[in-house]
Amino acid sequence: MKIVFTTKGDNWDSQMDDRFGRADFFILYDDENNNLEIISNSESLEKEHGVGLQSAKKVLKLNADIIITGNGAGQKALEIFKESNIKIYIGAGSMSVKEAYEAFKTDRLKLQY
């Protein structure tokens, strides 16, 4: 299973980002082979509008099964994820990436979709 985390940094100890579209980084974790990939989302910080949609398209290319974030995706991004069957878990905004992964594994996050 491939999981995308919205983060403020580029490692397991980084703080999660409450935002989906404007997250500084996406961390892609493949739990089958224990592989971690860091994807910068810096271009979203320069745009005024449409960052949720742009970020959703970026995540789709990663072939993720799950997204873990703080407050969830906006309506336009959510529509894209509904069509692709990517599940979004929210409530990890105050956690590190490692803590968010453990919260997901122990069913302590809420399913947005």
C-alpha atoms as a PDB file:
ATOM      1  CA  MET A   1       0.000   0.000   0.000  1.00  0.00           C
ATOM      2  CA  LYS A   2       1.236   3.493  -0.878  1.00  0.00           C
ATOM      3  CA  ILE A   3       0.495   6.332   1.525  1.00  0.00           C
ATOM      4  CA  VAL A   4       0.960  10.058   0.892  1.00  0.00           C
ATOM      5  CA  PHE A   5       1.518  12.318   3.906  1.00  0.00           C
ATOM      6  CA  THR A   6       1.162  16.123   3.669  1.00  0.00           C
ATOM      7  CA  THR A   7       4.123  17.531   5.582  1.00  0.00           C
ATOM      8  CA  LYS A   8       6.131  20.608   6.497  1.00  0.00           C
ATOM      9  CA  GLY A   9       9.430  18.717   6.193  1.00  0.00           C
ATOM     10  CA  ASP A  10      11.176  15.901   4.397  1.00  0.00           C
ATOM     11  CA  ASN A  11      11.515  13.026   6.887  1.00  0.00           C
ATOM     12  CA  TRP A  12       9.630  10.744   9.337  1.00  0.00           C
ATOM     13  CA  ASP A  13      10.069  13.225  12.189  1.00  0.00           C
ATOM     14  CA  SER A  14       8.652  16.171  10.220  1.00  0.00           C
ATOM     15  CA  GLN A  15       5.507  17.918  11.372  1.00  0.00           C
ATOM     16  CA  MET A  16       2.392  17.044   9.399  1.00  0.00           C
ATOM     17  CA  ASP A  17       0.766  19.892   7.470  1.00  0.00           C
ATOM     18  CA  ASP A  18      -2.904  20.658   8.128  1.00  0.00           C
ATOM     19  CA  ARG A  19      -3.263  21.735   4.514  1.00  0.00           C
ATOM     20  CA  PHE A  20      -3.513  19.434   1.542  1.00  0.00           C
ATOM     21  CA  GLY A  21      -3.051  21.739  -1.447  1.00  0.00           C
ATOM     22  CA  ARG A  22      -0.501  24.057   0.116  1.00  0.00           C
ATOM     23  CA  ALA A  23       1.535  21.446   1.996  1.00  0.00           C
ATOM     24  CA  ASP A  24       5.274  22.055   1.647  1.00  0.00           C
ATOM     25  CA  PHE A  25       5.997  18.406   0.866  1.00  0.00           C
ATOM     26  CA  PHE A  26       4.331  15.123   0.096  1.00  0.00           C
ATOM     27  CA  ILE A  27       6.024  12.082   1.554  1.00  0.00           C
ATOM     28  CA  LEU A  28       5.173   8.888  -0.277  1.00  0.00           C
ATOM     29  CA  TYR A  29       5.621   5.765   1.825  1.00  0.00           C
ATOM     30  CA  ASP A  30       5.363   2.311   0.282  1.00  0.00           C
ATOM     31  CA  ASP A  31       4.804   0.051   3.263  1.00  0.00           C
ATOM     32  CA  GLU A  32       5.361  -3.133   1.236  1.00  0.00           C
ATOM     33  CA  ASN A  33       9.028  -2.364   0.609  1.00  0.00           C
ATOM     34  CA  ASN A  34       9.587   0.256   3.344  1.00  0.00           C
ATOM     35  CA  ASN A  35      10.502   2.901   0.749  1.00  0.00           C
ATOM     36  CA  LEU A  36      10.165   6.637   1.463  1.00  0.00           C
ATOM     37  CA  GLU A  37      10.062   9.224  -1.350  1.00  0.00           C
ATOM     38  CA  ILE A  38      10.045  12.997  -0.815  1.00  0.00           C
ATOM     39  CA  ILE A  39       8.120  15.182  -3.266  1.00  0.00           C
ATOM     40  CA  SER A  40       8.372  18.966  -3.031  1.00  0.00           C
ATOM     41  CA  ASN A  41       5.137  20.886  -3.409  1.00  0.00           C
ATOM     42  CA  SER A  42       6.816  24.301  -3.387  1.00  0.00           C
ATOM     43  CA  GLU A  43       5.165  25.457  -6.603  1.00  0.00           C
ATOM     44  CA  SER A  44       1.806  25.481  -4.795  1.00  0.00           C
ATOM     45  CA  LEU A  45       3.051  28.201  -2.464  1.00  0.00           C
ATOM     46  CA  GLU A  46       3.490  30.618  -5.366  1.00  0.00           C
ATOM     47  CA  LYS A  47      -0.030  30.266  -6.798  1.00  0.00           C
ATOM     48  CA  GLU A  48      -3.043  32.163  -5.583  1.00  0.00           C
ATOM     49  CA  HIS A  49      -5.773  29.782  -6.816  1.00  0.00           C
ATOM     50  CA  GLY A  50      -6.202  26.187  -7.924  1.00  0.00           C
ATOM     51  CA  VAL A  51      -3.523  24.646  -5.740  1.00  0.00           C
ATOM     52  CA  GLY A  52      -5.784  21.899  -4.415  1.00  0.00           C
ATOM     53  CA  LEU A  53      -6.555  20.720  -7.913  1.00  0.00           C
ATOM     54  CA  GLN A  54      -2.896  20.965  -8.952  1.00  0.00           C
ATOM     55  CA  SER A  55      -1.780  19.037  -5.867  1.00  0.00           C
ATOM     56  CA  ALA A  56      -4.448  16.381  -6.424  1.00  0.00           C
ATOM     57  CA  LYS A  57      -3.154  15.772  -9.949  1.00  0.00           C
ATOM     58  CA  LYS A  58       0.385  15.476  -8.573  1.00  0.00           C
ATOM     59  CA  VAL A  59      -0.730  12.892  -6.008  1.00  0.00           C
ATOM     60  CA  LEU A  60      -2.603  10.894  -8.655  1.00  0.00           C
ATOM     61  CA  LYS A  61       0.663  10.432 -10.552  1.00  0.00           C
ATOM     62  CA  LEU A  62       2.180   8.826  -7.430  1.00  0.00           C
ATOM     63  CA  ASN A  63      -0.349   5.962  -7.585  1.00  0.00           C
ATOM     64  CA  ALA A  64      -1.154   6.326  -3.900  1.00  0.00           C
ATOM     65  CA  ASP A  65      -3.863   4.334  -2.165  1.00  0.00           C
ATOM     66  CA  ILE A  66      -4.238   6.624   0.857  1.00  0.00           C
ATOM     67  CA  ILE A  67      -3.623  10.265   1.782  1.00  0.00           C
ATOM     68  CA  ILE A  68      -3.042  11.282   5.392  1.00  0.00           C
ATOM     69  CA  THR A  69      -3.372  14.985   6.177  1.00  0.00           C
ATOM     70  CA  GLY A  70      -4.611  17.461   8.760  1.00  0.00           C
ATOM     71  CA  ASN A  71      -7.855  19.137   7.738  1.00  0.00           C
ATOM     72  CA  GLY A  72      -8.535  17.296   4.488  1.00  0.00           C
ATOM     73  CA  ALA A  73      -8.764  18.111   0.822  1.00  0.00           C
ATOM     74  CA  GLY A  74     -10.957  20.831  -0.652  1.00  0.00           C
ATOM     75  CA  GLN A  75     -14.023  20.090  -2.752  1.00  0.00           C
ATOM     76  CA  LYS A  76     -12.327  20.052  -6.187  1.00  0.00           C
ATOM     77  CA  ALA A  77      -9.486  17.810  -5.035  1.00  0.00           C
ATOM     78  CA  LEU A  78     -11.946  15.582  -3.217  1.00  0.00           C
ATOM     79  CA  GLU A  79     -13.920  15.042  -6.419  1.00  0.00           C
ATOM     80  CA  ILE A  80     -10.767  13.827  -8.168  1.00  0.00           C
ATOM     81  CA  PHE A  81      -9.970  11.431  -5.343  1.00  0.00           C
ATOM     82  CA  LYS A  82     -13.506  10.043  -5.298  1.00  0.00           C
ATOM     83  CA  GLU A  83     -13.149   9.129  -8.974  1.00  0.00           C
ATOM     84  CA  SER A  84      -9.820   7.418  -8.351  1.00  0.00           C
ATOM     85  CA  ASN A  85     -10.789   5.585  -5.120  1.00  0.00           C
ATOM     86  CA  ILE A  86      -7.977   7.169  -3.096  1.00  0.00           C
ATOM     87  CA  LYS A  87      -8.997   7.286   0.561  1.00  0.00           C
ATOM     88  CA  ILE A  88      -8.256  10.426   2.599  1.00  0.00           C
ATOM     89  CA  TYR A  89      -7.682  10.285   6.354  1.00  0.00           C
ATOM     90  CA  ILE A  90      -7.736  13.491   8.380  1.00  0.00           C
ATOM     91  CA  GLY A  91      -6.866  14.582  11.907  1.00  0.00           C
ATOM     92  CA  ALA A  92      -3.081  14.213  11.765  1.00  0.00           C
ATOM     93  CA  GLY A  93      -2.237  17.921  11.741  1.00  0.00           C
ATOM     94  CA  SER A  94      -0.627  18.053  15.176  1.00  0.00           C
ATOM     95  CA  MET A  95       1.455  14.908  14.662  1.00  0.00           C
ATOM     96  CA  SER A  96       4.798  13.990  13.153  1.00  0.00           C
ATOM     97  CA  VAL A  97       4.729  11.806  10.047  1.00  0.00           C
ATOM     98  CA  LYS A  98       5.736   8.806  12.153  1.00  0.00           C
ATOM     99  CA  GLU A  99       2.947   9.501  14.667  1.00  0.00           C
ATOM    100  CA  ALA A 100       0.425   9.941  11.835  1.00  0.00           C
ATOM    101  CA  TYR A 101       1.413   6.571  10.377  1.00  0.00           C
ATOM    102  CA  GLU A 102       0.959   4.898  13.775  1.00  0.00           C
ATOM    103  CA  ALA A 103      -2.401   6.670  14.229  1.00  0.00           C
ATOM    104  CA  PHE A 104      -3.525   5.368  10.840  1.00  0.00           C
ATOM    105  CA  LYS A 105      -2.396   1.825  11.642  1.00  0.00           C
ATOM    106  CA  THR A 106      -4.334   1.877  14.928  1.00  0.00           C
ATOM    107  CA  ASP A 107      -7.521   3.405  13.416  1.00  0.00           C
ATOM    108  CA  ARG A 108      -7.238   6.747  15.231  1.00  0.00           C
ATOM    109  CA  LEU A 109      -7.724   8.955  12.149  1.00  0.00           C
ATOM    110  CA  LYS A 110     -11.024   9.984  10.625  1.00  0.00           C
ATOM    111  CA  LEU A 111     -11.912   9.017   7.063  1.00  0.00           C
ATOM    112  CA  GLN A 112     -12.759  12.115   4.977  1.00  0.00           C
ATOM    113  CA  TYR A 113     -13.539   9.959   1.967  1.00  0.00           C
END
